[in-house]
Protein backbone atom coordinates (compact mmCIF):
# COMPACT_ATOMS: atom_id res chain seq x y z
CA MET A 1 0.06 0.19 0.05
CA ASP A 2 2.73 2.14 0.82
CA ARG A 3 4.03 2.20 -2.88
CA VAL A 4 0.35 2.98 -4.21
CA ALA A 5 0.29 5.72 -1.78
CA GLU A 6 3.72 7.01 -3.74
CA GLU A 7 2.69 6.64 -7.23
CA SER A 8 -0.87 8.00 -6.75
CA GLY A 9 0.53 10.92 -4.53
CA MET A 10 -2.05 10.17 -1.76
CA SER A 11 -1.43 10.16 1.55
CA LYS A 12 -1.26 6.04 3.02
CA GLY A 13 -4.32 7.22 5.11
CA ALA A 14 -6.52 8.27 1.71
CA VAL A 15 -5.12 4.76 0.40
CA THR A 16 -6.66 2.88 3.28
CA TYR A 17 -9.50 4.63 3.94
CA HIS A 18 -10.52 3.70 1.00
CA PHE A 19 -9.30 0.29 0.44
CA LYS A 20 -9.08 -1.37 3.77
CA THR A 21 -6.84 -4.30 2.30
CA LYS A 22 -4.89 -5.19 -0.92
CA ARG A 23 -7.31 -7.13 -2.04
CA MET A 24 -10.09 -4.88 -2.01
CA LEU A 25 -7.64 -2.40 -3.88
CA LEU A 26 -7.03 -5.22 -6.26
CA ALA A 27 -10.40 -5.99 -6.73
CA ALA A 28 -11.28 -2.53 -7.75
CA LEU A 29 -8.71 -2.70 -10.18
CA LEU A 30 -9.96 -5.60 -11.54
CA GLU A 31 -13.47 -4.19 -11.64
CA GLU A 32 -12.36 -1.00 -13.43
CA TYR A 33 -10.21 -2.92 -16.24
CA ALA A 34 -13.24 -5.31 -17.03
CA GLU A 35 -15.67 -2.81 -17.14
CA HIS A 36 -13.12 -1.14 -19.67
CA LEU A 37 -12.61 -4.22 -21.88
CA GLU A 38 -16.48 -4.49 -21.65
CA ALA A 39 -17.02 -0.71 -22.93
CA ARG A 40 -14.43 -1.28 -25.33
CA LEU A 41 -16.25 -4.77 -26.60
CA ARG A 42 -19.59 -2.74 -26.91
CA GLU A 43 -17.90 -0.24 -29.22
CA SER A 44 -16.44 -2.57 -31.63
CA GLU A 45 -19.73 -4.54 -31.80
CA ALA A 46 -21.56 -1.18 -32.75
CA LEU A 47 -19.73 -1.00 -35.64
CA PHE A 48 -21.51 -3.64 -37.08
CA SER A 49 -25.49 -3.49 -37.79
CA GLY A 50 -27.82 -6.55 -37.12
CA ALA A 51 -28.94 -8.41 -33.86
CA PRO A 52 -26.41 -8.75 -31.11
CA GLU A 53 -25.90 -12.65 -31.88
CA ALA A 54 -24.55 -11.56 -35.31
CA THR A 55 -22.46 -8.76 -34.16
CA PHE A 56 -20.86 -10.29 -31.40
CA PHE A 57 -18.00 -12.40 -33.21
CA PRO A 58 -17.09 -9.59 -35.99
CA GLY A 59 -17.39 -7.19 -32.88
CA TYR A 60 -14.80 -9.21 -30.72
CA VAL A 61 -12.29 -9.93 -33.58
CA GLU A 62 -12.19 -5.89 -34.43
CA TRP A 63 -11.77 -5.57 -30.62
CA PHE A 64 -9.37 -8.05 -30.30
CA ARG A 65 -7.14 -5.89 -33.25
CA ALA A 66 -7.56 -2.59 -31.35
CA PHE A 67 -7.04 -3.88 -28.05
CA ASP A 68 -3.45 -5.21 -29.56
CA ARG A 69 -2.85 -1.87 -31.25
CA ASP A 70 -4.22 0.54 -29.17
CA HIS A 71 -4.15 -0.55 -25.47
CA ALA A 72 -0.48 -2.80 -24.76
CA GLY A 73 -0.95 -0.67 -21.45
CA TRP A 74 -3.82 -2.46 -20.78
CA ALA A 75 -2.14 -5.76 -21.19
CA GLN A 76 1.28 -4.70 -18.95
CA ILE A 77 -1.68 -3.69 -16.08
CA GLY A 78 -3.31 -7.21 -16.69
CA ILE A 79 -0.13 -8.88 -16.24
CA ALA A 80 0.77 -6.74 -13.30
CA LEU A 81 -2.45 -7.75 -11.73
CA LEU A 82 -1.63 -11.33 -11.83
């Protein structure tokens, strides 16, 4: 938690006020990460017309290509969380 406080520019007390344990902090980070990925997938699906079952696969392919191209930093965050 010391490093999180240092990197974020917050006091350790402020960090621990919002995240009582390291596990709670990691859970919040994972939730944010998942929300980001889901929003990007929905944006990619919206590029195609049709019923959801028809747009999911081409949307997923587009999402994966864009993710690989534009969000290498997110991949690093995901790896770091493991």
